[in-house]
PDB file of N, CA and C in Angstrom:
ATOM      1  N   UNK A   1      -4.113 -33.240  -9.384  1.00  0.00           N
ATOM      2  CA  UNK A   1      -5.410 -32.288  -9.062  1.00  0.00           C
ATOM      3  C   UNK A   1      -6.788 -32.267  -8.903  1.00  0.00           C
ATOM      4  N   UNK A   2      -7.614 -32.916  -7.583  1.00  0.00           N
ATOM      5  CA  UNK A   2      -8.603 -33.198  -7.399  1.00  0.00           C
ATOM      6  C   UNK A   2      -9.323 -32.250  -8.381  1.00  0.00           C
ATOM      7  N   UNK A   3     -10.508 -31.996  -8.839  1.00  0.00           N
ATOM      8  CA  UNK A   3     -10.629 -30.247  -9.310  1.00  0.00           C
ATOM      9  C   UNK A   3     -11.730 -29.890  -7.870  1.00  0.00           C
ATOM     10  N   UNK A   4     -12.077 -30.140  -6.786  1.00  0.00           N
ATOM     11  CA  UNK A   4     -13.066 -30.333  -6.199  1.00  0.00           C
ATOM     12  C   UNK A   4     -12.534 -29.969  -4.384  1.00  0.00           C
ATOM     13  N   UNK A   5     -11.144 -31.013  -4.896  1.00  0.00           N
ATOM     14  CA  UNK A   5     -10.087 -30.182  -4.237  1.00  0.00           C
ATOM     15  C   UNK A   5      -9.937 -28.867  -3.773  1.00  0.00           C
ATOM     16  N   UNK A   6      -9.650 -28.631  -5.569  1.00  0.00           N
ATOM     17  CA  UNK A   6      -8.822 -27.500  -5.700  1.00  0.00           C
ATOM     18  C   UNK A   6      -9.781 -26.343  -5.769  1.00  0.00           C
ATOM     19  N   UNK A   7     -10.824 -26.378  -6.001  1.00  0.00           N
ATOM     20  CA  UNK A   7     -11.917 -25.729  -6.461  1.00  0.00           C
ATOM     21  C   UNK A   7     -12.084 -25.130  -5.126  1.00  0.00           C
ATOM     22  N   UNK A   8     -12.056 -25.732  -3.270  1.00  0.00           N
ATOM     23  CA  UNK A   8     -12.780 -24.898  -2.600  1.00  0.00           C
ATOM     24  C   UNK A   8     -11.859 -24.882  -1.308  1.00  0.00           C
ATOM     25  N   UNK A   9     -10.418 -25.111  -2.115  1.00  0.00           N
ATOM     26  CA  UNK A   9      -9.066 -24.476  -1.717  1.00  0.00           C
ATOM     27  C   UNK A   9      -8.125 -23.000  -1.968  1.00  0.00           C
ATOM     28  N   UNK A  10      -9.367 -22.962  -2.915  1.00  0.00           N
ATOM     29  CA  UNK A  10      -8.946 -21.497  -4.025  1.00  0.00           C
ATOM     30  C   UNK A  10      -9.857 -20.783  -3.219  1.00  0.00           C
ATOM     31  N   UNK A  11     -10.941 -21.851  -3.638  1.00  0.00           N
ATOM     32  CA  UNK A  11     -11.791 -20.298  -2.492  1.00  0.00           C
ATOM     33  C   UNK A  11     -11.868 -19.517  -0.929  1.00  0.00           C
ATOM     34  N   UNK A  12     -11.052 -20.816  -0.543  1.00  0.00           N
ATOM     35  CA  UNK A  12     -10.799 -20.378   0.586  1.00  0.00           C
ATOM     36  C   UNK A  12      -9.512 -19.548   0.380  1.00  0.00           C
ATOM     37  N   UNK A  13      -9.142 -19.895   0.428  1.00  0.00           N
ATOM     38  CA  UNK A  13      -7.798 -18.661  -0.086  1.00  0.00           C
ATOM     39  C   UNK A  13      -7.605 -17.835  -0.892  1.00  0.00           C
ATOM     40  N   UNK A  14      -8.421 -17.368  -1.229  1.00  0.00           N
ATOM     41  CA  UNK A  14      -9.598 -16.216  -1.837  1.00  0.00           C
ATOM     42  C   UNK A  14     -10.115 -15.370  -1.895  1.00  0.00           C
ATOM     43  N   UNK A  15     -11.028 -15.993  -0.217  1.00  0.00           N
ATOM     44  CA  UNK A  15     -11.442 -14.810   0.969  1.00  0.00           C
ATOM     45  C   UNK A  15     -10.892 -15.530   1.439  1.00  0.00           C
ATOM     46  N   UNK A  16      -9.719 -15.668   2.323  1.00  0.00           N
ATOM     47  CA  UNK A  16      -8.066 -15.005   2.905  1.00  0.00           C
ATOM     48  C   UNK A  16      -7.735 -13.299   2.642  1.00  0.00           C
ATOM     49  N   UNK A  17      -7.924 -13.599   0.934  1.00  0.00           N
ATOM     50  CA  UNK A  17      -6.895 -12.824   0.543  1.00  0.00           C
ATOM     51  C   UNK A  17      -7.842 -12.033  -0.136  1.00  0.00           C
ATOM     52  N   UNK A  18      -9.493 -10.775   0.293  1.00  0.00           N
ATOM     53  CA  UNK A  18     -10.397 -10.605  -0.598  1.00  0.00           C
ATOM     54  C   UNK A  18      -9.905 -10.326  -1.874  1.00  0.00           C
ATOM     55  N   UNK A  19      -9.628 -11.912  -1.984  1.00  0.00           N
ATOM     56  CA  UNK A  19      -9.834 -11.855  -3.610  1.00  0.00           C
ATOM     57  C   UNK A  19     -11.012 -12.732  -4.716  1.00  0.00           C
ATOM     58  N   UNK A  20     -11.005 -12.945  -5.862  1.00  0.00           N
ATOM     59  CA  UNK A  20     -11.669 -13.523  -6.758  1.00  0.00           C
ATOM     60  C   UNK A  20     -10.865 -15.041  -6.886  1.00  0.00           C
ATOM     61  N   UNK A  21     -11.641 -16.058  -7.293  1.00  0.00           N
ATOM     62  CA  UNK A  21     -11.270 -16.510  -6.644  1.00  0.00           C
ATOM     63  C   UNK A  21     -10.027 -16.737  -8.099  1.00  0.00           C
ATOM     64  N   UNK A  22     -11.200 -16.528  -8.930  1.00  0.00           N
ATOM     65  CA  UNK A  22      -9.895 -16.131 -10.482  1.00  0.00           C
ATOM     66  C   UNK A  22      -8.556 -15.706 -10.919  1.00  0.00           C
ATOM     67  N   UNK A  23      -8.437 -14.609  -9.401  1.00  0.00           N
ATOM     68  CA  UNK A  23      -6.922 -14.625  -9.732  1.00  0.00           C
ATOM     69  C   UNK A  23      -6.131 -14.672  -8.432  1.00  0.00           C
ATOM     70  N   UNK A  24      -6.497 -16.639  -7.784  1.00  0.00           N
ATOM     71  CA  UNK A  24      -6.236 -17.230  -7.488  1.00  0.00           C
ATOM     72  C   UNK A  24      -5.702 -18.282  -8.479  1.00  0.00           C
ATOM     73  N   UNK A  25      -4.070 -18.081  -9.100  1.00  0.00           N
ATOM     74  CA  UNK A  25      -3.148 -19.730  -9.455  1.00  0.00           C
ATOM     75  C   UNK A  25      -2.600 -20.258  -8.683  1.00  0.00           C
ATOM     76  N   UNK A  26      -2.655 -21.991  -9.172  1.00  0.00           N
ATOM     77  CA  UNK A  26      -1.983 -23.333  -8.916  1.00  0.00           C
ATOM     78  C   UNK A  26      -0.723 -22.560  -8.472  1.00  0.00           C
ATOM     79  N   UNK A  27      -0.452 -21.333  -8.930  1.00  0.00           N
ATOM     80  CA  UNK A  27       1.373 -21.053  -8.862  1.00  0.00           C
ATOM     81  C   UNK A  27       1.293 -20.574  -7.632  1.00  0.00           C
ATOM     82  N   UNK A  28       0.926 -19.222  -7.533  1.00  0.00           N
ATOM     83  CA  UNK A  28       0.699 -18.639  -6.857  1.00  0.00           C
ATOM     84  C   UNK A  28       0.595 -19.025  -5.171  1.00  0.00           C
ATOM     85  N   UNK A  29       1.792 -17.837  -4.957  1.00  0.00           N
ATOM     86  CA  UNK A  29       1.794 -18.470  -3.228  1.00  0.00           C
ATOM     87  C   UNK A  29       1.325 -17.338  -2.756  1.00  0.00           C
ATOM     88  N   UNK A  30       1.332 -17.895  -1.384  1.00  0.00           N
ATOM     89  CA  UNK A  30       0.727 -16.383  -0.143  1.00  0.00           C
ATOM     90  C   UNK A  30       0.894 -15.361  -0.207  1.00  0.00           C
ATOM     91  N   UNK A  31       1.803 -15.363   0.111  1.00  0.00           N
ATOM     92  CA  UNK A  31       3.016 -13.341   0.104  1.00  0.00           C
ATOM     93  C   UNK A  31       2.718 -13.206  -1.125  1.00  0.00           C
ATOM     94  N   UNK A  32       2.407 -13.972  -2.461  1.00  0.00           N
ATOM     95  CA  UNK A  32       1.736 -13.273  -4.194  1.00  0.00           C
ATOM     96  C   UNK A  32       0.150 -13.010  -3.687  1.00  0.00           C
ATOM     97  N   UNK A  33      -0.264 -13.710  -2.936  1.00  0.00           N
ATOM     98  CA  UNK A  33      -1.604 -13.707  -2.400  1.00  0.00           C
ATOM     99  C   UNK A  33      -1.886 -12.265  -1.932  1.00  0.00           C
ATOM    100  N   UNK A  34      -0.764 -11.673  -0.994  1.00  0.00           N
ATOM    101  CA  UNK A  34      -1.106 -11.081  -0.111  1.00  0.00           C
ATOM    102  C   UNK A  34      -1.538 -11.567   1.229  1.00  0.00           C
ATOM    103  N   UNK A  35      -0.920 -13.028   1.948  1.00  0.00           N
ATOM    104  CA  UNK A  35      -1.568 -13.189   2.776  1.00  0.00           C
ATOM    105  C   UNK A  35      -0.584 -13.446   3.607  1.00  0.00           C
ATOM    106  N   UNK A  36      -0.975 -12.624   5.428  1.00  0.00           N
ATOM    107  CA  UNK A  36       0.343 -12.281   6.013  1.00  0.00           C
ATOM    108  C   UNK A  36      -0.220 -13.548   6.652  1.00  0.00           C
ATOM    109  N   UNK A  37       0.658 -13.873   7.756  1.00  0.00           N
ATOM    110  CA  UNK A  37       1.374 -15.269   8.630  1.00  0.00           C
ATOM    111  C   UNK A  37      -0.518 -14.971   9.562  1.00  0.00           C
ATOM    112  N   UNK A  38      -1.775 -14.234   9.565  1.00  0.00           N
ATOM    113  CA  UNK A  38      -2.609 -14.048  10.582  1.00  0.00           C
ATOM    114  C   UNK A  38      -3.390 -14.396   9.035  1.00  0.00           C
ATOM    115  N   UNK A  39      -3.990 -14.603   8.201  1.00  0.00           N
ATOM    116  CA  UNK A  39      -4.704 -14.767   7.231  1.00  0.00           C
ATOM    117  C   UNK A  39      -3.697 -16.288   7.027  1.00  0.00           C
ATOM    118  N   UNK A  40      -3.221 -16.429   6.548  1.00  0.00           N
ATOM    119  CA  UNK A  40      -1.398 -17.903   6.662  1.00  0.00           C
ATOM    120  C   UNK A  40      -2.621 -19.310   7.690  1.00  0.00           C
ATOM    121  N   UNK A  41      -3.182 -18.254   9.315  1.00  0.00           N
ATOM    122  CA  UNK A  41      -3.445 -19.081   9.981  1.00  0.00           C
ATOM    123  C   UNK A  41      -4.928 -19.528  10.249  1.00  0.00           C
ATOM    124  N   UNK A  42      -6.193 -18.323   9.288  1.00  0.00           N
ATOM    125  CA  UNK A  42      -6.981 -18.634   9.484  1.00  0.00           C
ATOM    126  C   UNK A  42      -7.681 -19.571   8.107  1.00  0.00           C
ATOM    127  N   UNK A  43      -6.863 -19.675   6.961  1.00  0.00           N
ATOM    128  CA  UNK A  43      -7.279 -20.496   6.109  1.00  0.00           C
ATOM    129  C   UNK A  43      -6.170 -21.983   6.546  1.00  0.00           C
ATOM    130  N   UNK A  44      -5.637 -21.593   7.600  1.00  0.00           N
ATOM    131  CA  UNK A  44      -5.336 -23.233   7.782  1.00  0.00           C
ATOM    132  C   UNK A  44      -6.989 -23.836   8.440  1.00  0.00           C
ATOM    133  N   UNK A  45      -7.682 -23.213   9.894  1.00  0.00           N
ATOM    134  CA  UNK A  45      -7.698 -23.894  10.255  1.00  0.00           C
ATOM    135  C   UNK A  45      -9.741 -23.555   9.315  1.00  0.00           C
ATOM    136  N   UNK A  46      -9.820 -23.154   8.344  1.00  0.00           N
ATOM    137  CA  UNK A  46     -10.683 -23.140   7.643  1.00  0.00           C
ATOM    138  C   UNK A  46      -9.981 -24.036   6.160  1.00  0.00           C
ATOM    139  N   UNK A  47      -9.847 -24.488   6.096  1.00  0.00           N
ATOM    140  CA  UNK A  47      -9.229 -25.285   5.354  1.00  0.00           C
ATOM    141  C   UNK A  47      -9.448 -26.640   5.777  1.00  0.00           C
ATOM    142  N   UNK A  48      -8.938 -26.987   7.513  1.00  0.00           N
ATOM    143  CA  UNK A  48      -9.544 -28.181   8.467  1.00  0.00           C
ATOM    144  C   UNK A  48     -10.790 -28.789   8.716  1.00  0.00           C
ATOM    145  N   UNK A  49     -11.412 -27.063   8.871  1.00  0.00           N
ATOM    146  CA  UNK A  49     -12.931 -27.309   9.217  1.00  0.00           C
ATOM    147  C   UNK A  49     -13.852 -27.528   7.034  1.00  0.00           C
ATOM    148  N   UNK A  50     -13.439 -27.398   6.132  1.00  0.00           N
ATOM    149  CA  UNK A  50     -13.672 -27.638   5.417  1.00  0.00           C
ATOM    150  C   UNK A  50     -13.864 -28.977   4.606  1.00  0.00           C
ATOM    151  N   UNK A  51     -12.762 -29.095   5.217  1.00  0.00           N
ATOM    152  CA  UNK A  51     -12.400 -31.224   4.235  1.00  0.00           C
ATOM    153  C   UNK A  51     -12.347 -32.037   6.333  1.00  0.00           C
ATOM    154  N   UNK A  52     -12.375 -31.291   7.543  1.00  0.00           N
ATOM    155  CA  UNK A  52     -12.673 -32.384   8.382  1.00  0.00           C
ATOM    156  C   UNK A  52     -11.122 -33.400   8.858  1.00  0.00           C
ATOM    157  N   UNK A  53     -10.039 -32.060   8.422  1.00  0.00           N
ATOM    158  CA  UNK A  53      -8.271 -32.785   8.819  1.00  0.00           C
ATOM    159  C   UNK A  53      -7.781 -32.755   9.796  1.00  0.00           C
ATOM    160  N   UNK A  54      -7.060 -32.287  10.484  1.00  0.00           N
ATOM    161  CA  UNK A  54      -5.601 -32.134  11.098  1.00  0.00           C
ATOM    162  C   UNK A  54      -4.309 -32.128   9.955  1.00  0.00           C
ATOM    163  N   UNK A  55      -4.081 -29.957   9.933  1.00  0.00           N
ATOM    164  CA  UNK A  55      -3.305 -30.132   9.026  1.00  0.00           C
ATOM    165  C   UNK A  55      -2.057 -30.196  10.233  1.00  0.00           C
ATOM    166  N   UNK A  56      -0.968 -30.455  10.058  1.00  0.00           N
ATOM    167  CA  UNK A  56       0.543 -30.081  10.499  1.00  0.00           C
ATOM    168  C   UNK A  56       0.828 -29.265  10.094  1.00  0.00           C
ATOM    169  N   UNK A  57       0.619 -28.055  11.512  1.00  0.00           N
ATOM    170  CA  UNK A  57       1.387 -26.784  10.552  1.00  0.00           C
ATOM    171  C   UNK A  57       1.426 -26.270  12.096  1.00  0.00           C
ATOM    172  N   UNK A  58       3.195 -25.635  12.223  1.00  0.00           N
ATOM    173  CA  UNK A  58       3.501 -24.880  13.801  1.00  0.00           C
ATOM    174  C   UNK A  58       3.004 -23.574  12.504  1.00  0.00           C
ATOM    175  N   UNK A  59       1.836 -22.880  13.636  1.00  0.00           N
ATOM    176  CA  UNK A  59       2.023 -21.387  13.268  1.00  0.00           C
ATOM    177  C   UNK A  59       3.159 -20.150  13.443  1.00  0.00           C
ATOM    178  N   UNK A  60       3.819 -21.253  15.183  1.00  0.00           N
ATOM    179  CA  UNK A  60       5.082 -20.610  15.167  1.00  0.00           C
ATOM    180  C   UNK A  60       6.435 -20.443  14.820  1.00  0.00           C
ATOM    181  N   UNK A  61       6.733 -21.442  13.944  1.00  0.00           N
ATOM    182  CA  UNK A  61       7.287 -22.339  12.340  1.00  0.00           C
ATOM    183  C   UNK A  61       7.075 -22.759  12.071  1.00  0.00           C
ATOM    184  N   UNK A  62       6.377 -21.812  10.767  1.00  0.00           N
ATOM    185  CA  UNK A  62       5.698 -22.663   9.230  1.00  0.00           C
ATOM    186  C   UNK A  62       7.162 -22.863   8.828  1.00  0.00           C
ATOM    187  N   UNK A  63       8.826 -22.762   9.023  1.00  0.00           N
ATOM    188  CA  UNK A  63       9.300 -23.332   8.144  1.00  0.00           C
ATOM    189  C   UNK A  63      10.135 -24.361   8.484  1.00  0.00           C
ATOM    190  N   UNK A  64       9.529 -24.826  10.106  1.00  0.00           N
ATOM    191  CA  UNK A  64       9.656 -26.213  11.099  1.00  0.00           C
ATOM    192  C   UNK A  64       8.273 -27.153  10.302  1.00  0.00           C
ATOM    193  N   UNK A  65       7.287 -27.157   9.748  1.00  0.00           N
ATOM    194  CA  UNK A  65       5.866 -27.418   9.542  1.00  0.00           C
ATOM    195  C   UNK A  65       6.251 -29.110   8.724  1.00  0.00           C
ATOM    196  N   UNK A  66       5.726 -29.397   8.335  1.00  0.00           N
ATOM    197  CA  UNK A  66       5.690 -30.933   7.007  1.00  0.00           C
ATOM    198  C   UNK A  66       4.379 -30.408   6.181  1.00  0.00           C
ATOM    199  N   UNK A  67       3.435 -29.398   6.756  1.00  0.00           N
ATOM    200  CA  UNK A  67       3.113 -29.231   4.858  1.00  0.00           C
ATOM    201  C   UNK A  67       3.432 -26.933   4.573  1.00  0.00           C
ATOM    202  N   UNK A  68       3.617 -28.729   3.718  1.00  0.00           N
ATOM    203  CA  UNK A  68       4.309 -27.351   2.144  1.00  0.00           C
ATOM    204  C   UNK A  68       3.105 -26.970   2.231  1.00  0.00           C
ATOM    205  N   UNK A  69       3.483 -24.857   1.913  1.00  0.00           N
ATOM    206  CA  UNK A  69       2.177 -23.853   2.153  1.00  0.00           C
ATOM    207  C   UNK A  69       2.958 -23.550   0.701  1.00  0.00           C
ATOM    208  N   UNK A  70       4.318 -23.406   0.638  1.00  0.00           N
ATOM    209  CA  UNK A  70       4.682 -22.635  -0.764  1.00  0.00           C
ATOM    210  C   UNK A  70       4.343 -22.104  -2.008  1.00  0.00           C
ATOM    211  N   UNK A  71       3.050 -23.049  -2.682  1.00  0.00           N
ATOM    212  CA  UNK A  71       2.457 -22.276  -3.181  1.00  0.00           C
ATOM    213  C   UNK A  71       1.180 -22.538  -2.457  1.00  0.00           C
ATOM    214  N   UNK A  72      -0.406 -22.605  -4.141  1.00  0.00           N
ATOM    215  CA  UNK A  72      -1.383 -22.867  -3.766  1.00  0.00           C
ATOM    216  C   UNK A  72      -1.670 -24.386  -4.361  1.00  0.00           C
ATOM    217  N   UNK A  73      -0.510 -24.491  -5.021  1.00  0.00           N
ATOM    218  CA  UNK A  73      -0.975 -26.047  -5.785  1.00  0.00           C
ATOM    219  C   UNK A  73       0.063 -26.706  -4.563  1.00  0.00           C
ATOM    220  N   UNK A  74       0.848 -26.344  -3.813  1.00  0.00           N
ATOM    221  CA  UNK A  74       1.652 -27.389  -3.221  1.00  0.00           C
ATOM    222  C   UNK A  74       0.223 -27.721  -2.024  1.00  0.00           C
ATOM    223  N   UNK A  75      -0.976 -26.926  -0.997  1.00  0.00           N
ATOM    224  CA  UNK A  75      -1.652 -26.667  -0.648  1.00  0.00           C
ATOM    225  C   UNK A  75      -2.447 -27.758  -0.272  1.00  0.00           C
ATOM    226  N   UNK A  76      -2.959 -27.878  -1.921  1.00  0.00           N
ATOM    227  CA  UNK A  76      -3.531 -29.018  -2.499  1.00  0.00           C
ATOM    228  C   UNK A  76      -3.900 -29.751  -2.830  1.00  0.00           C
ATOM    229  N   UNK A  77      -1.798 -30.457  -2.976  1.00  0.00           N
ATOM    230  CA  UNK A  77      -1.423 -31.079  -2.792  1.00  0.00           C
ATOM    231  C   UNK A  77      -1.006 -32.780  -1.316  1.00  0.00           C
ATOM    232  N   UNK A  78      -0.774 -31.127  -0.919  1.00  0.00           N
ATOM    233  CA  UNK A  78      -0.693 -32.095   0.560  1.00  0.00           C
ATOM    234  C   UNK A  78      -1.957 -32.060   1.259  1.00  0.00           C
ATOM    235  N   UNK A  79      -2.966 -31.051   1.477  1.00  0.00           N
ATOM    236  CA  UNK A  79      -4.462 -32.075   1.336  1.00  0.00           C
ATOM    237  C   UNK A  79      -5.013 -32.775   1.272  1.00  0.00           C
ATOM    238  N   UNK A  80      -5.100 -33.361   0.643  1.00  0.00           N
ATOM    239  CA  UNK A  80      -5.197 -34.768  -0.305  1.00  0.00           C
ATOM    240  C   UNK A  80      -4.735 -35.304  -0.622  1.00  0.00           C
ATOM    241  N   UNK A  81      -2.568 -35.670   0.355  1.00  0.00           N
ATOM    242  CA  UNK A  81      -2.885 -36.483   1.070  1.00  0.00           C
ATOM    243  C   UNK A  81      -3.132 -36.660   2.574  1.00  0.00           C
ATOM    244  N   UNK A  82      -3.502 -35.156   3.110  1.00  0.00           N
ATOM    245  CA  UNK A  82      -4.256 -35.610   4.439  1.00  0.00           C
ATOM    246  C   UNK A  82      -5.167 -36.562   3.836  1.00  0.00           C
ATOM    247  N   UNK A  83      -6.230 -36.174   3.044  1.00  0.00           N
ATOM    248  CA  UNK A  83      -8.117 -36.521   3.503  1.00  0.00           C
ATOM    249  C   UNK A  83      -7.514 -38.186   3.263  1.00  0.00           C
ATOM    250  N   UNK A  84      -6.591 -38.834   1.581  1.00  0.00           N
ATOM    251  CA  UNK A  84      -6.719 -39.762   1.500  1.00  0.00           C
ATOM    252  C   UNK A  84      -5.712 -40.605   2.494  1.00  0.00           C
ATOM    253  N   UNK A  85      -5.098 -39.464   3.359  1.00  0.00           N
ATOM    254  CA  UNK A  85      -4.045 -40.564   4.807  1.00  0.00           C
ATOM    255  C   UNK A  85      -5.575 -40.091   5.829  1.00  0.00           C
ATOM    256  N   UNK A  86      -6.489 -40.148   5.603  1.00  0.00           N
ATOM    257  CA  UNK A  86      -7.098 -39.745   7.325  1.00  0.00           C
ATOM    258  C   UNK A  86      -8.749 -41.477   5.989  1.00  0.00           C
ATOM    259  N   UNK A  87      -8.774 -41.163   5.263  1.00  0.00           N
ATOM    260  CA  UNK A  87      -9.047 -42.577   3.895  1.00  0.00           C
ATOM    261  C   UNK A  87      -9.195 -43.938   4.047  1.00  0.00           C
ATOM    262  N   UNK A  88      -7.868 -44.279   4.362  1.00  0.00           N
ATOM    263  CA  UNK A  88      -6.415 -44.865   4.393  1.00  0.00           C
ATOM    264  C   UNK A  88      -6.426 -46.275   5.829  1.00  0.00           C
TER     265      UNK A  88
END
């Protein structure tokens, strides 16, 4: 994982969860961090804005989305993939 991408995503998630970034671990789930569905959507919007990408996420049916939100590390990997696709 690229540190800068990971650090930016952790900062976004920490802000949504009202936590210090040090409390957001790669293995943490959004549920572990107390982020509800609204916080998830706000996090996705913030990630899209921060990285100038479009996240394939269906807020009405998150389980059907192609974007893996199972953990912070999964989100970082997914964002890195989207950034690579955009550059490609």
